């Protein structure tokens, strides 16, 4: 039996000026990245060279800066209550590791039957479950931070052990059963584990240590009212920096292949919308409440584009169609999920009959 849910009301907050204009900042970061990649080719070459273990160091730093403030906000003493919610955990596993890859496989074949490289790239995107940017979208939508931290951790563990197996199944076995073309995928479990360690492990440990040390020395009130407001904006600074670098790397490919980008974008648009609404409606149907339904929706819709791009480049090459499909992923995912943040805040009042800015906690 799960613990009762109580609502603790705080002074209602609203989106800051930085958050309110987030779509504009993201759009400018995309444009800046594309222009830099197009007109400063030396930058793209330098970024490509700055890699350690297949991971881009500048992009890795951007993701670490992005994730640390959000994970520092998590109240780790409340995570035990989340892990006891079997409905949430089972629903997340079902959406992320059974429904998500199957939906992307179907959409890739429906929309790109004549473009095997892009199709394979999309399938790889569908297999890489989100462990990074979902914490930003969930936080902006006032979702359950503790639930998101748990779901991201579970995705990370499954990613290490399931990614290669699912890649083999969806790119080789299932197409063979259906009489379709197949392409193999040779991915190192060590590479996936390194990706998870860098993009989740480091900021998670840093976030936990910050809260533990800060609360022990100064108390929770100081930590949440003084420290968190100072580091909070850096999450979005890191997001914008990361987006600009990603688009600088592939700006030329995006500009020179606009029709291909459009064809790749269409199934991605359908995918993100389907997965997000499936997660939100499933959470509502199970009675999870707004905060946890939102966490479920964003973890189901988001994808680990960094892992997808790294795998596509490592397996098929930096200039391959598979790599381009991986890069188009964040091109579509970022603005779509930003838009879904606003849809989520609207749904809180219309579907869940609740104030999204009320802090929901399990006691």
Protein backbone atom coordinates (compact mmCIF):
# COMPACT_ATOMS: atom_id res chain seq x y z
CA UNK A 1 0.00 0.00 0.00
CA UNK A 2 1.49 3.34 -1.06
CA UNK A 3 1.88 6.21 1.35
CA UNK A 4 -0.85 8.85 1.34
CA UNK A 5 -0.31 11.92 -0.74
CA UNK A 6 -0.51 15.34 0.85
CA UNK A 7 -0.25 18.70 -0.81
CA UNK A 8 1.97 21.24 0.84
CA UNK A 9 1.21 24.72 -0.44
CA UNK A 10 3.96 27.23 -0.81
CA UNK A 11 3.92 30.73 -2.17
CA UNK A 12 2.93 30.20 -5.82
CA UNK A 13 5.79 30.79 -8.20
CA UNK A 14 5.64 31.50 -11.88
CA UNK A 15 8.07 31.11 -14.72
CA UNK A 16 11.02 33.45 -14.45
CA UNK A 17 11.84 35.77 -17.34
CA UNK A 18 14.50 33.29 -18.46
CA UNK A 19 12.04 30.39 -18.41
CA UNK A 20 9.19 32.41 -19.93
CA UNK A 21 11.18 33.21 -23.04
CA UNK A 22 12.83 29.78 -23.25
CA UNK A 23 11.51 28.96 -26.76
CA UNK A 24 13.09 32.19 -28.03
CA UNK A 25 16.44 31.47 -26.35
CA UNK A 26 16.45 27.92 -27.70
CA UNK A 27 15.61 29.15 -31.20
CA UNK A 28 18.44 31.66 -31.04
CA UNK A 29 20.84 28.98 -29.77
CA UNK A 30 19.90 26.72 -32.69
CA UNK A 31 20.36 29.50 -35.23
CA UNK A 32 23.66 30.54 -33.63
CA UNK A 33 24.92 26.96 -33.71
CA UNK A 34 23.94 26.45 -37.35
CA UNK A 35 25.56 29.72 -38.38
CA UNK A 36 28.74 28.94 -36.48
CA UNK A 37 28.95 25.49 -38.02
CA UNK A 38 28.30 26.92 -41.47
CA UNK A 39 30.58 29.95 -41.44
CA UNK A 40 33.25 28.91 -38.92
CA UNK A 41 34.22 25.42 -40.13
CA UNK A 42 37.29 25.41 -37.89
CA UNK A 43 34.95 25.36 -34.87
CA UNK A 44 33.21 22.19 -36.04
CA UNK A 45 36.54 20.53 -36.70
CA UNK A 46 37.84 21.51 -33.27
CA UNK A 47 34.70 20.19 -31.55
CA UNK A 48 34.99 16.90 -33.44
CA UNK A 49 38.58 16.47 -32.26
CA UNK A 50 37.84 17.22 -28.60
CA UNK A 51 36.60 13.74 -27.71
CA UNK A 52 37.47 11.33 -24.91
CA UNK A 53 36.18 7.78 -25.20
CA UNK A 54 33.86 8.81 -28.01
CA UNK A 55 32.30 11.57 -25.90
CA UNK A 56 32.59 15.20 -27.00
CA UNK A 57 34.24 17.05 -24.10
CA UNK A 58 32.57 20.46 -24.72
CA UNK A 59 29.12 18.89 -25.15
CA UNK A 60 29.74 16.72 -22.10
CA UNK A 61 30.60 19.80 -20.03
CA UNK A 62 27.46 21.55 -21.27
CA UNK A 63 25.30 18.59 -20.25
CA UNK A 64 26.95 18.42 -16.82
CA UNK A 65 26.31 22.13 -16.22
CA UNK A 66 22.73 21.61 -17.43
CA UNK A 67 21.93 18.63 -15.20
CA UNK A 68 23.69 19.55 -11.95
CA UNK A 69 21.32 22.34 -10.74
CA UNK A 70 18.22 20.23 -11.35
CA UNK A 71 19.64 17.17 -9.58
CA UNK A 72 20.78 19.45 -6.73
CA UNK A 73 17.10 20.38 -6.25
CA UNK A 74 16.00 16.77 -5.71
CA UNK A 75 15.01 15.93 -2.14
CA UNK A 76 16.79 12.60 -1.88
CA UNK A 77 15.17 11.77 1.45
CA UNK A 78 11.85 11.41 -0.39
CA UNK A 79 13.06 8.97 -3.06
CA UNK A 80 12.10 5.92 -0.99
CA UNK A 81 8.44 6.93 -1.33
CA UNK A 82 8.81 7.03 -5.13
CA UNK A 83 10.38 3.57 -5.36
CA UNK A 84 7.39 2.21 -3.48
CA UNK A 85 5.01 3.38 -6.22
CA UNK A 86 4.88 0.21 -8.33
CA UNK A 87 2.34 1.72 -10.76
CA UNK A 88 4.76 4.48 -11.68
CA UNK A 89 7.80 2.23 -12.06
CA UNK A 90 6.05 -0.48 -14.08
CA UNK A 91 4.38 2.11 -16.32
CA UNK A 92 7.72 3.79 -17.01
CA UNK A 93 9.45 0.52 -17.87
CA UNK A 94 6.59 -0.44 -20.18
CA UNK A 95 6.56 2.90 -22.01
CA UNK A 96 10.33 3.28 -22.27
CA UNK A 97 11.51 -0.21 -23.12
CA UNK A 98 8.57 -1.88 -24.86
CA UNK A 99 6.26 0.78 -26.30
CA UNK A 100 8.83 3.47 -27.23
CA UNK A 101 11.23 1.36 -29.34
CA UNK A 102 8.31 -0.43 -31.03
CA UNK A 103 6.59 2.86 -31.90
CA UNK A 104 9.79 4.34 -33.35
CA UNK A 105 10.45 1.17 -35.37
CA UNK A 106 6.96 1.32 -36.84
CA UNK A 107 7.15 5.06 -37.62
CA UNK A 108 10.61 4.72 -39.19
CA UNK A 109 9.36 2.06 -41.61
CA UNK A 110 6.08 3.88 -42.33
CA UNK A 111 7.69 7.25 -43.11
CA UNK A 112 11.12 6.20 -44.44
CA UNK A 113 10.70 2.87 -46.28
CA UNK A 114 13.03 4.02 -49.09
CA UNK A 115 15.74 5.61 -46.92
CA UNK A 116 17.45 2.85 -44.94
CA UNK A 117 20.19 5.03 -43.41
CA UNK A 118 17.78 7.57 -41.95
CA UNK A 119 15.43 4.79 -40.91
CA UNK A 120 18.18 3.05 -38.98
CA UNK A 121 19.19 6.34 -37.35
CA UNK A 122 15.63 6.90 -36.14
CA UNK A 123 15.43 3.41 -34.70
CA UNK A 124 18.66 4.05 -32.79
CA UNK A 125 17.16 7.30 -31.42
CA UNK A 126 14.13 5.30 -30.24
CA UNK A 127 16.35 2.87 -28.34
CA UNK A 128 18.29 5.60 -26.49
CA UNK A 129 16.04 6.50 -23.59
CA UNK A 130 16.44 9.94 -22.04
CA UNK A 131 18.75 10.43 -19.05
CA UNK A 132 19.58 14.12 -19.42
CA UNK A 133 17.28 16.84 -20.77
CA UNK A 134 14.15 15.22 -19.34
CA UNK A 135 15.10 16.67 -15.95
CA UNK A 136 14.89 20.18 -17.46
CA UNK A 137 11.50 19.67 -19.13
CA UNK A 138 10.04 18.01 -16.04
CA UNK A 139 11.30 20.80 -13.79
CA UNK A 140 9.84 23.53 -16.02
CA UNK A 141 6.50 21.70 -16.05
CA UNK A 142 6.51 21.39 -12.22
CA UNK A 143 6.69 17.61 -12.35
CA UNK A 144 7.87 15.39 -9.51
CA UNK A 145 11.66 15.83 -9.25
CA UNK A 146 12.17 12.81 -7.04
CA UNK A 147 10.13 10.58 -9.36
CA UNK A 148 12.08 11.84 -12.36
CA UNK A 149 15.40 11.13 -10.64
CA UNK A 150 14.31 7.56 -9.94
CA UNK A 151 12.96 6.96 -13.46
CA UNK A 152 16.11 8.40 -15.03
CA UNK A 153 18.25 6.13 -12.84
CA UNK A 154 16.20 3.09 -13.88
CA UNK A 155 16.50 4.07 -17.54
CA UNK A 156 20.25 4.34 -17.11
CA UNK A 157 20.59 0.83 -15.70
CA UNK A 158 18.38 -0.64 -18.43
CA UNK A 159 20.27 1.36 -21.06
CA UNK A 160 23.56 -0.31 -20.17
CA UNK A 161 22.15 -3.82 -20.43
CA UNK A 162 19.32 -3.49 -22.96
CA UNK A 163 20.51 -1.07 -25.66
CA UNK A 164 22.69 -3.50 -27.61
CA UNK A 165 20.17 -6.33 -27.29
CA UNK A 166 17.28 -4.17 -28.49
CA UNK A 167 19.45 -2.78 -31.31
CA UNK A 168 20.12 -6.33 -32.50
CA UNK A 169 16.42 -7.19 -32.24
CA UNK A 170 14.99 -4.14 -34.04
CA UNK A 171 17.69 -3.81 -36.70
CA UNK A 172 18.34 -7.48 -37.46
CA UNK A 173 15.87 -9.97 -35.99
CA UNK A 174 12.48 -8.25 -36.34
CA UNK A 175 13.09 -7.00 -39.92
CA UNK A 176 14.09 -10.55 -40.84
CA UNK A 177 10.87 -11.93 -39.38
CA UNK A 178 8.86 -9.36 -41.34
CA UNK A 179 10.78 -9.86 -44.59
CA UNK A 180 12.28 -6.34 -44.43
CA UNK A 181 15.82 -5.05 -44.98
CA UNK A 182 18.09 -5.36 -41.96
CA UNK A 183 21.21 -3.61 -40.69
CA UNK A 184 23.41 -4.77 -37.85
CA UNK A 185 24.45 -2.69 -34.85
CA UNK A 186 27.69 -3.33 -33.03
CA UNK A 187 27.67 -1.28 -29.83
CA UNK A 188 30.05 -1.67 -26.91
CA UNK A 189 28.39 -2.10 -23.52
CA UNK A 190 31.40 -0.27 -22.07
CA UNK A 191 30.71 2.76 -24.30
CA UNK A 192 27.07 2.88 -23.17
CA UNK A 193 28.10 2.53 -19.53
CA UNK A 194 30.62 5.36 -19.94
CA UNK A 195 27.91 7.55 -21.49
CA UNK A 196 25.59 6.90 -18.55
CA UNK A 197 28.37 7.49 -16.02
CA UNK A 198 29.32 10.85 -17.52
CA UNK A 199 25.88 12.29 -18.27
CA UNK A 200 24.05 10.98 -15.22
CA UNK A 201 26.50 9.63 -12.64
CA UNK A 202 28.67 12.73 -12.21
CA UNK A 203 25.86 15.32 -11.88
CA UNK A 204 23.83 12.93 -9.71
CA UNK A 205 26.69 12.49 -7.23
CA UNK A 206 27.40 16.24 -7.31
CA UNK A 207 23.73 17.08 -6.74
CA UNK A 208 23.41 14.65 -3.84
CA UNK A 209 26.65 15.88 -2.26
CA UNK A 210 25.56 19.52 -2.58
CA UNK A 211 22.28 18.89 -0.76
CA UNK A 212 23.81 16.70 1.92
CA UNK A 213 26.66 19.10 2.70
CA UNK A 214 24.54 22.25 2.32
CA UNK A 215 21.75 21.04 4.59
CA UNK A 216 24.17 19.64 7.16
CA UNK A 217 26.09 22.91 7.45
CA UNK A 218 23.45 25.56 6.79
CA UNK A 219 20.07 23.85 7.03
CA UNK A 220 17.35 23.13 4.47
CA UNK A 221 15.89 26.62 4.49
CA UNK A 222 19.22 28.19 3.55
CA UNK A 223 19.90 25.52 0.93
CA UNK A 224 16.54 25.89 -0.83
CA UNK A 225 16.03 29.63 -0.41
CA UNK A 226 19.61 30.90 -0.86
CA UNK A 227 21.76 28.31 -2.64
CA UNK A 228 19.34 26.82 -5.19
CA UNK A 229 18.21 30.20 -6.64
CA UNK A 230 21.87 31.02 -7.34
CA UNK A 231 22.69 27.82 -9.22
CA UNK A 232 19.23 27.31 -10.78
CA UNK A 233 19.69 29.46 -13.92
CA UNK A 234 22.83 27.54 -14.86
CA UNK A 235 20.68 24.60 -15.92
CA UNK A 236 19.27 26.65 -18.79
CA UNK A 237 22.65 28.21 -19.56
CA UNK A 238 24.05 24.71 -19.93
CA UNK A 239 21.08 23.69 -22.08
CA UNK A 240 21.54 26.61 -24.47
CA UNK A 241 25.31 26.06 -24.66
CA UNK A 242 24.81 22.36 -25.46
CA UNK A 243 22.20 23.07 -28.14
CA UNK A 244 24.45 25.63 -29.82
CA UNK A 245 27.36 23.16 -29.93
CA UNK A 246 25.23 20.32 -31.27
CA UNK A 247 23.92 22.43 -34.11
CA UNK A 248 27.38 23.82 -34.83
CA UNK A 249 28.56 20.25 -35.41
CA UNK A 250 25.81 19.44 -37.91
CA UNK A 251 24.78 22.88 -39.19
CA UNK A 252 26.16 22.27 -42.66
CA UNK A 253 24.34 18.95 -43.02
CA UNK A 254 21.07 20.52 -41.87
CA UNK A 255 21.34 23.43 -44.32
CA UNK A 256 22.41 21.36 -47.32
CA UNK A 257 19.79 18.61 -46.81
CA UNK A 258 16.57 20.47 -45.91
CA UNK A 259 14.23 17.97 -47.58
CA UNK A 260 15.92 15.04 -45.87
CA UNK A 261 15.68 16.86 -42.55
CA UNK A 262 11.96 17.41 -43.16
CA UNK A 263 11.38 13.72 -43.90
CA UNK A 264 13.25 12.69 -40.75
CA UNK A 265 11.40 15.33 -38.72
CA UNK A 266 7.89 14.09 -39.51
CA UNK A 267 8.07 10.69 -37.76
CA UNK A 268 9.90 12.34 -34.86
CA UNK A 269 7.07 14.84 -34.42
CA UNK A 270 4.53 12.00 -34.34
CA UNK A 271 6.70 9.98 -31.97
CA UNK A 272 7.25 12.72 -29.38
CA UNK A 273 3.57 13.64 -29.36
CA UNK A 274 2.34 10.05 -29.09
CA UNK A 275 4.73 9.08 -26.30
CA UNK A 276 4.13 12.22 -24.25
CA UNK A 277 0.35 12.00 -24.37
CA UNK A 278 0.47 8.25 -23.73
CA UNK A 279 2.52 8.86 -20.59
CA UNK A 280 0.35 11.70 -19.30
CA UNK A 281 -2.94 9.91 -19.97
CA UNK A 282 -1.67 6.63 -18.52
CA UNK A 283 -0.56 8.45 -15.38
CA UNK A 284 -3.92 10.18 -15.08
CA UNK A 285 -5.75 6.90 -15.63
CA UNK A 286 -3.72 5.22 -12.90
CA UNK A 287 -4.40 8.08 -10.51
CA UNK A 288 -0.76 9.11 -10.15
CA UNK A 289 -1.58 12.80 -9.86
CA UNK A 290 -0.27 15.65 -11.97
CA UNK A 291 3.34 15.76 -10.76
CA UNK A 292 4.08 12.07 -11.28
CA UNK A 293 2.05 11.83 -14.49
CA UNK A 294 4.17 14.67 -15.86
CA UNK A 295 7.38 12.91 -14.85
CA UNK A 296 6.12 9.75 -16.57
CA UNK A 297 5.18 11.66 -19.73
CA UNK A 298 8.49 13.45 -20.19
CA UNK A 299 10.63 10.41 -19.41
CA UNK A 300 8.60 8.44 -21.97
CA UNK A 301 8.88 11.11 -24.70
CA UNK A 302 12.51 12.15 -24.23
CA UNK A 303 15.48 10.44 -25.84
CA UNK A 304 19.21 10.36 -25.14
CA UNK A 305 20.30 12.04 -28.38
CA UNK A 306 23.92 12.19 -27.21
CA UNK A 307 24.08 8.40 -26.96
CA UNK A 308 22.20 7.98 -30.26
CA UNK A 309 24.58 10.32 -32.08
CA UNK A 310 27.65 8.69 -30.52
CA UNK A 311 26.46 5.22 -31.50
CA UNK A 312 25.54 6.30 -35.03
CA UNK A 313 28.90 8.01 -35.57
CA UNK A 314 30.87 5.15 -34.02
CA UNK A 315 29.07 2.49 -36.05
CA UNK A 316 28.32 4.18 -39.37
CA UNK A 317 30.57 7.27 -39.50
CA UNK A 318 30.26 11.00 -38.78
CA UNK A 319 28.93 11.84 -42.26
CA UNK A 320 26.45 8.96 -42.44
CA UNK A 321 22.70 9.29 -42.82
CA UNK A 322 22.34 7.52 -39.47
CA UNK A 323 24.35 10.31 -37.79
CA UNK A 324 22.26 13.00 -39.49
CA UNK A 325 19.07 11.34 -38.25
CA UNK A 326 20.51 11.39 -34.73
CA UNK A 327 21.26 15.11 -34.97
CA UNK A 328 17.79 15.91 -36.29
CA UNK A 329 16.49 14.28 -33.08
CA UNK A 330 17.26 17.26 -30.79
CA UNK A 331 16.37 19.67 -33.62
CA UNK A 332 12.81 18.39 -33.29
CA UNK A 333 12.78 17.19 -29.68
CA UNK A 334 13.86 20.45 -28.06
CA UNK A 335 11.15 22.77 -29.45
CA UNK A 336 8.46 20.07 -29.28
CA UNK A 337 9.11 19.22 -25.63
CA UNK A 338 9.39 22.91 -24.73
CA UNK A 339 5.95 23.31 -26.27
CA UNK A 340 4.71 20.30 -24.28
CA UNK A 341 5.89 22.00 -21.08
CA UNK A 342 3.24 24.65 -21.70
CA UNK A 343 0.67 21.99 -22.68
CA UNK A 344 1.47 20.22 -19.42
CA UNK A 345 0.91 23.37 -17.34
CA UNK A 346 -2.41 23.87 -19.14
CA UNK A 347 -3.39 20.21 -18.57
CA UNK A 348 -2.67 20.56 -14.84
CA UNK A 349 -5.61 22.93 -14.48
CA UNK A 350 -7.93 21.49 -17.13
CA UNK A 351 -7.40 17.74 -16.74
CA UNK A 352 -6.03 17.35 -13.22
CA UNK A 353 -7.86 20.28 -11.61
CA UNK A 354 -4.75 21.32 -9.70
CA UNK A 355 -2.34 24.22 -9.45
CA UNK A 356 0.91 23.01 -11.09
CA UNK A 357 2.91 25.33 -8.82
CA UNK A 358 1.69 23.57 -5.69
CA UNK A 359 4.45 21.43 -4.21
CA UNK A 360 3.21 17.84 -4.02
CA UNK A 361 5.05 15.61 -1.57
CA UNK A 362 4.58 12.10 -0.25
CA UNK A 363 4.81 11.71 3.46
